[in-house]
Amino acid sequence: MLALLAPGQGSQTPGFLAPWLEDAKAAQLISTWSDAIGLDLIRLGTSADADEIRDTANAQPLLVAGGLIGAARLFAENLSPISYVSYVAGHSVGEITAAAIAGALDQISALKLVHARGAQMAIAAKDSKTGMSAVLGGERDVVVAAINAAGLTAANENGGGQIVAAGSLVALAALAENPPEGARVRALAVSGAFHTSTMAPAVSHLAALAAALEVSDPKIPFISNKDGAVITGGREILDRIVGQIAGPVRWDLCMETLAKSGVTGIIEVPPAGTLAGLVKRAKGEIETFALKGPEDLAGAGEFIAKHGGN
């Protein structure tokens, strides 16, 4: 049984889109999406430097575009994800990629939604004096209790001993000075406390846009970051994606659902590697495949033949 996973912010690297754009159809798709949202995704994905693509307003549309291009190439010709993929899931902004792959949103709607999401989250973060830090190691309950006691939020629970704390920079510095037992704290290069109440203004803006988008029930079941639940209603998927901007990412629960549902293999779409690594560490019984570039397509096809089918 196969699942497709879509990575979140921080997975992007300079030039990761360039090899995919050597395909004429892929290049045309990216050009169309760029025109639709007024953002040059081709330049961002090929020649922009690390600082420019770290900007939330640029990173999020670029990530969704990369994931959709990878999935389009993977399931070109006679392959259909509906016939081979049992579940989709994405980490944070990757949920928009996953929703589009599943057919809940069309590609243009997905790009419009993520463009607005990135822009509004950047605005909400500006001058907020907030940030995020990874807490690595330690017992989950002990770490979460320490984060809460510091006045912070466990914004991402990624499994495998990785929890991301978010909130005021002062509180994050204090946590780093006095880390939870058995853990270490590493500051992350982000502009604000994503997936916390700091993002509430972005939720209200996105809710209005989402209400105007045409949504369909997914053709592939969607595993939600909110609680690891399998969602089969398109409008509920979109509502959860919007609300999750200011709510914690429970990737650990998504991985639990993958395992409990009998998934034997996952393919992570571009820019791949992060989620495949988390699954490998937390759920070693699930085989992983990171689709990093077009050179991986043949191997991914063999992986689909091994694990795909409903």
C-alpha atoms as a PDB file:
ATOM      1  CA  MET A   1       0.000   0.000   0.000  1.00  0.00           C
ATOM      2  CA  LEU A   2       1.450   3.342  -1.117  1.00  0.00           C
ATOM      3  CA  ALA A   3       1.220   6.908   0.220  1.00  0.00           C
ATOM      4  CA  LEU A   4       2.446  10.148  -1.354  1.00  0.00           C
ATOM      5  CA  LEU A   5       3.898  12.756   0.995  1.00  0.00           C
ATOM      6  CA  ALA A   6       4.586  16.452   0.326  1.00  0.00           C
ATOM      7  CA  PRO A   7       7.260  18.361   2.300  1.00  0.00           C
ATOM      8  CA  GLY A   8       6.915  21.629   4.172  1.00  0.00           C
ATOM      9  CA  GLN A   9       8.821  24.870   4.474  1.00  0.00           C
ATOM     10  CA  GLY A  10      12.552  24.506   4.993  1.00  0.00           C
ATOM     11  CA  SER A  11      12.876  21.667   2.478  1.00  0.00           C
ATOM     12  CA  GLN A  12      13.630  24.007  -0.427  1.00  0.00           C
ATOM     13  CA  THR A  13      17.185  24.481  -1.685  1.00  0.00           C
ATOM     14  CA  PRO A  14      18.486  26.895  -4.351  1.00  0.00           C
ATOM     15  CA  GLY A  15      17.978  25.602  -7.879  1.00  0.00           C
ATOM     16  CA  PHE A  16      16.034  22.472  -6.918  1.00  0.00           C
ATOM     17  CA  LEU A  17      13.462  23.103  -9.652  1.00  0.00           C
ATOM     18  CA  ALA A  18      15.989  23.488 -12.485  1.00  0.00           C
ATOM     19  CA  PRO A  19      16.318  19.817 -13.539  1.00  0.00           C
ATOM     20  CA  TRP A  20      12.543  19.400 -13.593  1.00  0.00           C
ATOM     21  CA  LEU A  21      12.173  22.347 -15.971  1.00  0.00           C
ATOM     22  CA  GLU A  22      14.248  20.617 -18.632  1.00  0.00           C
ATOM     23  CA  ASP A  23      10.954  18.919 -19.500  1.00  0.00           C
ATOM     24  CA  ALA A  24       8.958  21.217 -21.811  1.00  0.00           C
ATOM     25  CA  LYS A  25       5.548  20.328 -20.342  1.00  0.00           C
ATOM     26  CA  ALA A  26       6.783  20.968 -16.816  1.00  0.00           C
ATOM     27  CA  ALA A  27       8.277  24.308 -17.846  1.00  0.00           C
ATOM     28  CA  GLN A  28       4.990  25.335 -19.447  1.00  0.00           C
ATOM     29  CA  LEU A  29       3.037  24.381 -16.320  1.00  0.00           C
ATOM     30  CA  ILE A  30       5.322  26.430 -14.090  1.00  0.00           C
ATOM     31  CA  SER A  31       5.030  29.379 -16.467  1.00  0.00           C
ATOM     32  CA  THR A  32       1.234  29.138 -16.389  1.00  0.00           C
ATOM     33  CA  TRP A  33       1.188  29.009 -12.600  1.00  0.00           C
ATOM     34  CA  SER A  34       3.597  31.940 -12.377  1.00  0.00           C
ATOM     35  CA  ASP A  35       1.284  34.046 -14.541  1.00  0.00           C
ATOM     36  CA  ALA A  36      -1.756  33.000 -12.498  1.00  0.00           C
ATOM     37  CA  ILE A  37      -0.306  34.204  -9.180  1.00  0.00           C
ATOM     38  CA  GLY A  38       2.009  36.990 -10.358  1.00  0.00           C
ATOM     39  CA  LEU A  39       5.149  35.348  -8.987  1.00  0.00           C
ATOM     40  CA  ASP A  40       8.118  34.178 -11.071  1.00  0.00           C
ATOM     41  CA  LEU A  41       8.376  30.583  -9.902  1.00  0.00           C
ATOM     42  CA  ILE A  42      10.851  29.718 -12.650  1.00  0.00           C
ATOM     43  CA  ARG A  43      13.396  32.249 -11.411  1.00  0.00           C
ATOM     44  CA  LEU A  44      12.780  31.377  -7.767  1.00  0.00           C
ATOM     45  CA  GLY A  45      13.270  27.686  -8.480  1.00  0.00           C
ATOM     46  CA  THR A  46      16.374  28.032 -10.622  1.00  0.00           C
ATOM     47  CA  SER A  47      18.495  31.118  -9.915  1.00  0.00           C
ATOM     48  CA  ALA A  48      17.239  32.709  -6.668  1.00  0.00           C
ATOM     49  CA  ASP A  49      19.574  32.406  -3.679  1.00  0.00           C
ATOM     50  CA  ALA A  50      18.879  30.752  -0.333  1.00  0.00           C
ATOM     51  CA  ASP A  51      17.837  33.978   1.397  1.00  0.00           C
ATOM     52  CA  GLU A  52      15.251  34.829  -1.246  1.00  0.00           C
ATOM     53  CA  ILE A  53      13.620  31.408  -1.229  1.00  0.00           C
ATOM     54  CA  ARG A  54      13.681  31.325   2.578  1.00  0.00           C
ATOM     55  CA  ASP A  55      11.225  34.245   2.528  1.00  0.00           C
ATOM     56  CA  THR A  56       7.874  32.718   3.487  1.00  0.00           C
ATOM     57  CA  ALA A  57       6.037  34.527   0.696  1.00  0.00           C
ATOM     58  CA  ASN A  58       8.359  32.916  -1.873  1.00  0.00           C
ATOM     59  CA  ALA A  59       9.081  29.574  -0.231  1.00  0.00           C
ATOM     60  CA  GLN A  60       5.528  28.337   0.097  1.00  0.00           C
ATOM     61  CA  PRO A  61       4.369  28.732  -3.536  1.00  0.00           C
ATOM     62  CA  LEU A  62       7.712  27.342  -4.715  1.00  0.00           C
ATOM     63  CA  LEU A  63       7.311  24.229  -2.557  1.00  0.00           C
ATOM     64  CA  VAL A  64       3.801  23.508  -3.791  1.00  0.00           C
ATOM     65  CA  ALA A  65       4.844  24.061  -7.402  1.00  0.00           C
ATOM     66  CA  GLY A  66       7.795  21.706  -6.999  1.00  0.00           C
ATOM     67  CA  GLY A  67       5.679  18.992  -5.441  1.00  0.00           C
ATOM     68  CA  LEU A  68       2.996  19.220  -8.105  1.00  0.00           C
ATOM     69  CA  ILE A  69       5.571  19.101 -10.909  1.00  0.00           C
ATOM     70  CA  GLY A  70       7.187  16.028  -9.400  1.00  0.00           C
ATOM     71  CA  ALA A  71       3.835  14.293  -9.029  1.00  0.00           C
ATOM     72  CA  ALA A  72       2.830  15.249 -12.585  1.00  0.00           C
ATOM     73  CA  ARG A  73       6.018  13.743 -13.993  1.00  0.00           C
ATOM     74  CA  LEU A  74       5.696  10.667 -11.799  1.00  0.00           C
ATOM     75  CA  PHE A  75       2.171   9.931 -12.954  1.00  0.00           C
ATOM     76  CA  ALA A  76       2.533  10.993 -16.581  1.00  0.00           C
ATOM     77  CA  GLU A  77       1.342   8.958 -19.528  1.00  0.00           C
ATOM     78  CA  ASN A  78      -0.794   5.994 -18.424  1.00  0.00           C
ATOM     79  CA  LEU A  79      -0.164   6.066 -14.684  1.00  0.00           C
ATOM     80  CA  SER A  80      -2.847   7.510 -12.426  1.00  0.00           C
ATOM     81  CA  PRO A  81      -2.305   8.261  -8.749  1.00  0.00           C
ATOM     82  CA  ILE A  82      -5.900   7.216  -8.089  1.00  0.00           C
ATOM     83  CA  SER A  83      -5.102   3.650  -9.136  1.00  0.00           C
ATOM     84  CA  TYR A  84      -1.847   3.326  -7.203  1.00  0.00           C
ATOM     85  CA  VAL A  85      -1.917   5.671  -4.198  1.00  0.00           C
ATOM     86  CA  SER A  86      -3.952   4.812  -1.099  1.00  0.00           C
ATOM     87  CA  TYR A  87      -3.262   7.965   0.960  1.00  0.00           C
ATOM     88  CA  VAL A  88      -1.798  11.453   0.632  1.00  0.00           C
ATOM     89  CA  ALA A  89      -0.399  13.698   3.344  1.00  0.00           C
ATOM     90  CA  GLY A  90       1.699  16.837   3.552  1.00  0.00           C
ATOM     91  CA  HIS A  91       3.645  18.637   6.257  1.00  0.00           C
ATOM     92  CA  SER A  92       2.236  22.115   6.921  1.00  0.00           C
ATOM     93  CA  VAL A  93       2.171  23.916   3.540  1.00  0.00           C
ATOM     94  CA  GLY A  94       2.644  20.482   1.960  1.00  0.00           C
ATOM     95  CA  GLU A  95      -1.002  19.823   2.800  1.00  0.00           C
ATOM     96  CA  ILE A  96      -1.942  22.105  -0.100  1.00  0.00           C
ATOM     97  CA  THR A  97       0.234  20.031  -2.429  1.00  0.00           C
ATOM     98  CA  ALA A  98      -1.361  16.848  -1.095  1.00  0.00           C
ATOM     99  CA  ALA A  99      -4.885  18.237  -1.494  1.00  0.00           C
ATOM    100  CA  ALA A 100      -4.198  19.080  -5.144  1.00  0.00           C
ATOM    101  CA  ILE A 101      -2.664  15.666  -5.854  1.00  0.00           C
ATOM    102  CA  ALA A 102      -5.739  14.064  -4.296  1.00  0.00           C
ATOM    103  CA  GLY A 103      -8.062  16.123  -6.504  1.00  0.00           C
ATOM    104  CA  ALA A 104      -9.642  18.230  -3.755  1.00  0.00           C
ATOM    105  CA  LEU A 105      -8.278  21.399  -5.390  1.00  0.00           C
ATOM    106  CA  ASP A 106      -7.270  22.096  -8.968  1.00  0.00           C
ATOM    107  CA  GLN A 107      -3.676  23.179  -9.497  1.00  0.00           C
ATOM    108  CA  ILE A 108      -4.381  26.864 -10.118  1.00  0.00           C
ATOM    109  CA  SER A 109      -6.566  27.093  -7.007  1.00  0.00           C
ATOM    110  CA  ALA A 110      -3.840  25.404  -4.987  1.00  0.00           C
ATOM    111  CA  LEU A 111      -1.252  27.926  -6.198  1.00  0.00           C
ATOM    112  CA  LYS A 112      -3.551  30.874  -5.508  1.00  0.00           C
ATOM    113  CA  LEU A 113      -4.256  29.575  -2.014  1.00  0.00           C
ATOM    114  CA  VAL A 114      -0.598  28.985  -1.159  1.00  0.00           C
ATOM    115  CA  HIS A 115       0.458  32.336  -2.613  1.00  0.00           C
ATOM    116  CA  ALA A 116      -2.007  34.079  -0.303  1.00  0.00           C
ATOM    117  CA  ARG A 117      -1.016  31.809   2.600  1.00  0.00           C
ATOM    118  CA  GLY A 118       2.661  32.634   2.309  1.00  0.00           C
ATOM    119  CA  ALA A 119       2.034  36.358   1.952  1.00  0.00           C
ATOM    120  CA  GLN A 120      -0.371  36.555   4.891  1.00  0.00           C
ATOM    121  CA  MET A 121       1.841  34.453   7.166  1.00  0.00           C
ATOM    122  CA  ALA A 122       4.785  36.712   6.348  1.00  0.00           C
ATOM    123  CA  ILE A 123       2.694  39.761   7.250  1.00  0.00           C
ATOM    124  CA  ALA A 124       1.532  38.184  10.517  1.00  0.00           C
ATOM    125  CA  ALA A 125       5.123  37.319  11.440  1.00  0.00           C
ATOM    126  CA  LYS A 126       6.560  40.755  10.647  1.00  0.00           C
ATOM    127  CA  ASP A 127       7.659  42.648  13.769  1.00  0.00           C
ATOM    128  CA  SER A 128       6.131  39.941  15.983  1.00  0.00           C
ATOM    129  CA  LYS A 129       9.438  39.250  17.787  1.00  0.00           C
ATOM    130  CA  THR A 130       8.646  35.553  17.634  1.00  0.00           C
ATOM    131  CA  GLY A 131      10.397  32.522  16.213  1.00  0.00           C
ATOM    132  CA  MET A 132      10.797  28.758  16.377  1.00  0.00           C
ATOM    133  CA  SER A 133      13.376  26.329  17.779  1.00  0.00           C
ATOM    134  CA  ALA A 134      13.782  22.602  17.309  1.00  0.00           C
ATOM    135  CA  VAL A 135      13.918  20.583  20.517  1.00  0.00           C
ATOM    136  CA  LEU A 136      15.829  17.420  19.709  1.00  0.00           C
ATOM    137  CA  GLY A 137      15.755  14.355  21.938  1.00  0.00           C
ATOM    138  CA  GLY A 138      14.150  13.809  25.316  1.00  0.00           C
ATOM    139  CA  GLU A 139      10.862  12.165  26.260  1.00  0.00           C
ATOM    140  CA  ARG A 140       7.873  13.571  24.404  1.00  0.00           C
ATOM    141  CA  ASP A 141       5.754  14.361  27.485  1.00  0.00           C
ATOM    142  CA  VAL A 142       8.700  15.940  29.320  1.00  0.00           C
ATOM    143  CA  VAL A 143       9.586  18.097  26.316  1.00  0.00           C
ATOM    144  CA  VAL A 144       6.019  19.277  25.710  1.00  0.00           C
ATOM    145  CA  ALA A 145       5.590  20.094  29.404  1.00  0.00           C
ATOM    146  CA  ALA A 146       8.796  22.161  29.375  1.00  0.00           C
ATOM    147  CA  ILE A 147       7.700  24.006  26.231  1.00  0.00           C
ATOM    148  CA  ASN A 148       4.323  24.823  27.761  1.00  0.00           C
ATOM    149  CA  ALA A 149       5.909  25.895  31.067  1.00  0.00           C
ATOM    150  CA  ALA A 150       8.104  28.330  29.143  1.00  0.00           C
ATOM    151  CA  GLY A 151       5.011  30.005  27.692  1.00  0.00           C
ATOM    152  CA  LEU A 152       5.684  28.516  24.269  1.00  0.00           C
ATOM    153  CA  THR A 153       3.713  26.258  21.921  1.00  0.00           C
ATOM    154  CA  ALA A 154       4.683  22.819  20.633  1.00  0.00           C
ATOM    155  CA  ALA A 155       4.019  23.952  17.074  1.00  0.00           C
ATOM    156  CA  ASN A 156       5.355  20.892  15.206  1.00  0.00           C
ATOM    157  CA  GLU A 157       5.488  17.408  16.657  1.00  0.00           C
ATOM    158  CA  ASN A 158       7.462  15.596  14.004  1.00  0.00           C
ATOM    159  CA  GLY A 159       8.128  12.279  15.725  1.00  0.00           C
ATOM    160  CA  GLY A 160      11.495  10.617  16.088  1.00  0.00           C
ATOM    161  CA  GLY A 161      12.467  12.892  18.978  1.00  0.00           C
ATOM    162  CA  GLN A 162      11.878  16.161  17.127  1.00  0.00           C
ATOM    163  CA  ILE A 163       9.461  18.783  18.460  1.00  0.00           C
ATOM    164  CA  VAL A 164       9.468  22.431  17.385  1.00  0.00           C
ATOM    165  CA  ALA A 165       8.749  25.088  19.996  1.00  0.00           C
ATOM    166  CA  ALA A 166       7.344  28.443  18.902  1.00  0.00           C
ATOM    167  CA  GLY A 167       6.663  31.765  20.555  1.00  0.00           C
ATOM    168  CA  SER A 168       8.512  34.822  21.798  1.00  0.00           C
ATOM    169  CA  LEU A 169      12.224  35.068  21.070  1.00  0.00           C
ATOM    170  CA  VAL A 170      12.880  35.820  24.740  1.00  0.00           C
ATOM    171  CA  ALA A 171      11.126  32.626  25.854  1.00  0.00           C
ATOM    172  CA  LEU A 172      12.910  30.578  23.193  1.00  0.00           C
ATOM    173  CA  ALA A 173      16.271  31.880  24.399  1.00  0.00           C
ATOM    174  CA  ALA A 174      15.362  30.918  27.958  1.00  0.00           C
ATOM    175  CA  LEU A 175      14.398  27.418  26.811  1.00  0.00           C
ATOM    176  CA  ALA A 176      17.741  27.041  25.046  1.00  0.00           C
ATOM    177  CA  GLU A 177      19.551  28.031  28.233  1.00  0.00           C
ATOM    178  CA  ASN A 178      17.564  25.511  30.275  1.00  0.00           C
ATOM    179  CA  PRO A 179      16.574  22.705  27.865  1.00  0.00           C
ATOM    180  CA  PRO A 180      14.322  19.788  28.823  1.00  0.00           C
ATOM    181  CA  GLU A 181      16.085  16.794  30.304  1.00  0.00           C
ATOM    182  CA  GLY A 182      17.874  14.761  27.645  1.00  0.00           C
ATOM    183  CA  ALA A 183      17.207  17.326  24.902  1.00  0.00           C
ATOM    184  CA  ARG A 184      19.016  20.095  23.086  1.00  0.00           C
ATOM    185  CA  VAL A 185      17.496  23.231  21.552  1.00  0.00           C
ATOM    186  CA  ARG A 186      18.425  24.626  18.132  1.00  0.00           C
ATOM    187  CA  ALA A 187      17.056  27.920  16.789  1.00  0.00           C
ATOM    188  CA  LEU A 188      15.447  27.741  13.341  1.00  0.00           C
ATOM    189  CA  ALA A 189      15.883  30.349  10.591  1.00  0.00           C
ATOM    190  CA  VAL A 190      12.222  31.366  10.341  1.00  0.00           C
ATOM    191  CA  SER A 191      10.613  34.774  10.579  1.00  0.00           C
ATOM    192  CA  GLY A 192       7.934  34.076  13.172  1.00  0.00           C
ATOM    193  CA  ALA A 193       5.962  31.652  15.315  1.00  0.00           C
ATOM    194  CA  PHE A 194       4.128  29.666  12.655  1.00  0.00           C
ATOM    195  CA  HIS A 195       1.310  27.338  13.749  1.00  0.00           C
ATOM    196  CA  THR A 196       0.556  29.419  16.824  1.00  0.00           C
ATOM    197  CA  SER A 197      -1.911  32.188  17.685  1.00  0.00           C
ATOM    198  CA  THR A 198       0.550  34.671  16.151  1.00  0.00           C
ATOM    199  CA  MET A 199      -0.819  33.520  12.790  1.00  0.00           C
ATOM    200  CA  ALA A 200      -4.486  34.227  13.658  1.00  0.00           C
ATOM    201  CA  PRO A 201      -4.708  37.263  11.310  1.00  0.00           C
ATOM    202  CA  ALA A 202      -3.601  35.068   8.413  1.00  0.00           C
ATOM    203  CA  VAL A 203      -6.350  32.546   9.177  1.00  0.00           C
ATOM    204  CA  SER A 204      -9.101  35.120   8.742  1.00  0.00           C
ATOM    205  CA  HIS A 205      -7.707  36.275   5.387  1.00  0.00           C
ATOM    206  CA  LEU A 206      -7.289  32.720   4.106  1.00  0.00           C
ATOM    207  CA  ALA A 207     -10.750  31.679   5.230  1.00  0.00           C
ATOM    208  CA  ALA A 208     -12.320  34.298   2.981  1.00  0.00           C
ATOM    209  CA  LEU A 209     -10.293  33.164  -0.027  1.00  0.00           C
ATOM    210  CA  ALA A 210     -10.926  29.478   0.668  1.00  0.00           C
ATOM    211  CA  ALA A 211     -14.675  30.048   0.811  1.00  0.00           C
ATOM    212  CA  ALA A 212     -14.567  31.309  -2.773  1.00  0.00           C
ATOM    213  CA  LEU A 213     -12.598  28.358  -4.147  1.00  0.00           C
ATOM    214  CA  GLU A 214     -14.245  25.405  -5.841  1.00  0.00           C
ATOM    215  CA  VAL A 215     -13.532  22.254  -3.862  1.00  0.00           C
ATOM    216  CA  SER A 216     -14.151  18.582  -4.651  1.00  0.00           C
ATOM    217  CA  ASP A 217     -14.077  15.500  -2.486  1.00  0.00           C
ATOM    218  CA  PRO A 218     -10.630  13.927  -2.842  1.00  0.00           C
ATOM    219  CA  LYS A 219     -10.160  10.893  -5.045  1.00  0.00           C
ATOM    220  CA  ILE A 220      -7.471   9.712  -2.603  1.00  0.00           C
ATOM    221  CA  PRO A 221      -7.986   9.786   1.198  1.00  0.00           C
ATOM    222  CA  PHE A 222      -6.181  12.699   2.870  1.00  0.00           C
ATOM    223  CA  ILE A 223      -4.390  12.400   6.245  1.00  0.00           C
ATOM    224  CA  SER A 224      -4.692  15.643   8.206  1.00  0.00           C
ATOM    225  CA  ASN A 225      -1.903  17.368  10.158  1.00  0.00           C
ATOM    226  CA  LYS A 226      -4.407  18.427  12.788  1.00  0.00           C
ATOM    227  CA  ASP A 227      -4.840  15.010  14.366  1.00  0.00           C
ATOM    228  CA  GLY A 228      -3.782  12.333  11.887  1.00  0.00           C
ATOM    229  CA  ALA A 229      -7.394  11.705  10.879  1.00  0.00           C
ATOM    230  CA  VAL A 230      -8.259  10.414   7.408  1.00  0.00           C
ATOM    231  CA  ILE A 231     -10.469  13.018   5.722  1.00  0.00           C
ATOM    232  CA  THR A 232     -12.626  12.251   2.699  1.00  0.00           C
ATOM    233  CA  GLY A 233     -14.588  15.512   2.367  1.00  0.00           C
ATOM    234  CA  GLY A 234     -13.102  18.285   0.240  1.00  0.00           C
ATOM    235  CA  ARG A 235     -14.535  21.207   2.175  1.00  0.00           C
ATOM    236  CA  GLU A 236     -13.356  19.755   5.484  1.00  0.00           C
ATOM    237  CA  ILE A 237      -9.857  19.325   4.039  1.00  0.00           C
ATOM    238  CA  LEU A 238      -9.774  22.986   3.029  1.00  0.00           C
ATOM    239  CA  ASP A 239     -11.170  24.160   6.370  1.00  0.00           C
ATOM    240  CA  ARG A 240      -8.500  22.156   8.188  1.00  0.00           C
ATOM    241  CA  ILE A 241      -5.738  23.518   5.951  1.00  0.00           C
ATOM    242  CA  VAL A 242      -6.823  27.080   6.735  1.00  0.00           C
ATOM    243  CA  GLY A 243      -7.219  26.532  10.477  1.00  0.00           C
ATOM    244  CA  GLN A 244      -3.927  24.683  10.727  1.00  0.00           C
ATOM    245  CA  ILE A 245      -2.029  27.897   9.948  1.00  0.00           C
ATOM    246  CA  ALA A 246      -2.520  28.848  13.604  1.00  0.00           C
ATOM    247  CA  GLY A 247      -2.623  25.305  14.982  1.00  0.00           C
ATOM    248  CA  PRO A 248       0.074  22.704  15.732  1.00  0.00           C
ATOM    249  CA  VAL A 249       1.313  20.240  13.107  1.00  0.00           C
ATOM    250  CA  ARG A 250       0.970  16.681  14.435  1.00  0.00           C
ATOM    251  CA  TRP A 251       3.132  14.910  11.881  1.00  0.00           C
ATOM    252  CA  ASP A 252       3.765  12.212  14.465  1.00  0.00           C
ATOM    253  CA  LEU A 253       0.068  11.317  14.343  1.00  0.00           C
ATOM    254  CA  CYS A 254       0.099  11.340  10.531  1.00  0.00           C
ATOM    255  CA  MET A 255       2.862   8.746  10.597  1.00  0.00           C
ATOM    256  CA  GLU A 256       0.912   6.682  13.136  1.00  0.00           C
ATOM    257  CA  THR A 257      -2.028   6.681  10.728  1.00  0.00           C
ATOM    258  CA  LEU A 258       0.193   5.601   7.835  1.00  0.00           C
ATOM    259  CA  ALA A 259       1.442   2.647   9.844  1.00  0.00           C
ATOM    260  CA  LYS A 260      -1.943   1.654  11.273  1.00  0.00           C
ATOM    261  CA  SER A 261      -3.551   1.853   7.823  1.00  0.00           C
ATOM    262  CA  GLY A 262      -1.177  -0.735   6.396  1.00  0.00           C
ATOM    263  CA  VAL A 263       0.972   1.574   4.245  1.00  0.00           C
ATOM    264  CA  THR A 264       4.097  -0.319   3.185  1.00  0.00           C
ATOM    265  CA  GLY A 265       5.822   2.385   1.145  1.00  0.00           C
ATOM    266  CA  ILE A 266       5.868   6.185   0.841  1.00  0.00           C
ATOM    267  CA  ILE A 267       7.130   8.417  -1.946  1.00  0.00           C
ATOM    268  CA  GLU A 268       8.019  11.971  -0.986  1.00  0.00           C
ATOM    269  CA  VAL A 269       7.567  14.462  -3.838  1.00  0.00           C
ATOM    270  CA  PRO A 270      10.119  17.249  -4.478  1.00  0.00           C
ATOM    271  CA  PRO A 271      11.980  18.794  -2.806  1.00  0.00           C
ATOM    272  CA  ALA A 272      12.186  15.392  -1.142  1.00  0.00           C
ATOM    273  CA  GLY A 273      14.174  13.981   1.742  1.00  0.00           C
ATOM    274  CA  THR A 274      12.904  15.488   4.997  1.00  0.00           C
ATOM    275  CA  LEU A 275       9.696  13.480   5.424  1.00  0.00           C
ATOM    276  CA  ALA A 276      11.256  10.290   4.092  1.00  0.00           C
ATOM    277  CA  GLY A 277      13.876  10.683   6.815  1.00  0.00           C
ATOM    278  CA  LEU A 278      11.266  11.186   9.536  1.00  0.00           C
ATOM    279  CA  VAL A 279       9.291   8.138   8.419  1.00  0.00           C
ATOM    280  CA  LYS A 280      12.459   6.043   8.255  1.00  0.00           C
ATOM    281  CA  ARG A 281      13.370   6.971  11.834  1.00  0.00           C
ATOM    282  CA  ALA A 282       9.906   6.721  13.382  1.00  0.00           C
ATOM    283  CA  LYS A 283       8.321   3.933  11.320  1.00  0.00           C
ATOM    284  CA  GLY A 284      11.150   1.788  10.045  1.00  0.00           C
ATOM    285  CA  GLU A 285       8.759  -0.878   8.801  1.00  0.00           C
ATOM    286  CA  ILE A 286       7.580   1.519   6.059  1.00  0.00           C
ATOM    287  CA  GLU A 287       9.864   1.648   3.020  1.00  0.00           C
ATOM    288  CA  THR A 288      10.684   5.146   1.769  1.00  0.00           C
ATOM    289  CA  PHE A 289      11.557   6.755  -1.566  1.00  0.00           C
ATOM    290  CA  ALA A 290      12.661  10.383  -1.930  1.00  0.00           C
ATOM    291  CA  LEU A 291      11.850  11.733  -5.405  1.00  0.00           C
ATOM    292  CA  LYS A 292      14.574  14.384  -5.602  1.00  0.00           C
ATOM    293  CA  GLY A 293      15.059  14.797  -9.339  1.00  0.00           C
ATOM    294  CA  PRO A 294      13.995  13.456 -12.743  1.00  0.00           C
ATOM    295  CA  GLU A 295      16.787  10.889 -12.522  1.00  0.00           C
ATOM    296  CA  ASP A 296      14.750   9.217  -9.771  1.00  0.00           C
ATOM    297  CA  LEU A 297      11.617   8.693 -11.886  1.00  0.00           C
ATOM    298  CA  ALA A 298      12.536   5.212 -13.093  1.00  0.00           C
ATOM    299  CA  GLY A 299      13.282   4.042  -9.573  1.00  0.00           C
ATOM    300  CA  ALA A 300      10.064   5.611  -8.328  1.00  0.00           C
ATOM    301  CA  GLY A 301       8.147   3.717 -10.998  1.00  0.00           C
ATOM    302  CA  GLU A 302       9.587   0.444  -9.714  1.00  0.00           C
ATOM    303  CA  PHE A 303       8.695   1.497  -6.164  1.00  0.00           C
ATOM    304  CA  ILE A 304       5.095   2.166  -7.264  1.00  0.00           C
ATOM    305  CA  ALA A 305       4.920  -1.262  -8.895  1.00  0.00           C
ATOM    306  CA  LYS A 306       6.060  -2.807  -5.617  1.00  0.00           C
ATOM    307  CA  HIS A 307       3.811  -0.915  -3.193  1.00  0.00           C
ATOM    308  CA  GLY A 308       1.015   0.642  -5.273  1.00  0.00           C
ATOM    309  CA  GLY A 309      -2.566  -0.521  -5.617  1.00  0.00           C
ATOM    310  CA  ASN A 310      -5.631  -0.251  -3.436  1.00  0.00           C
END
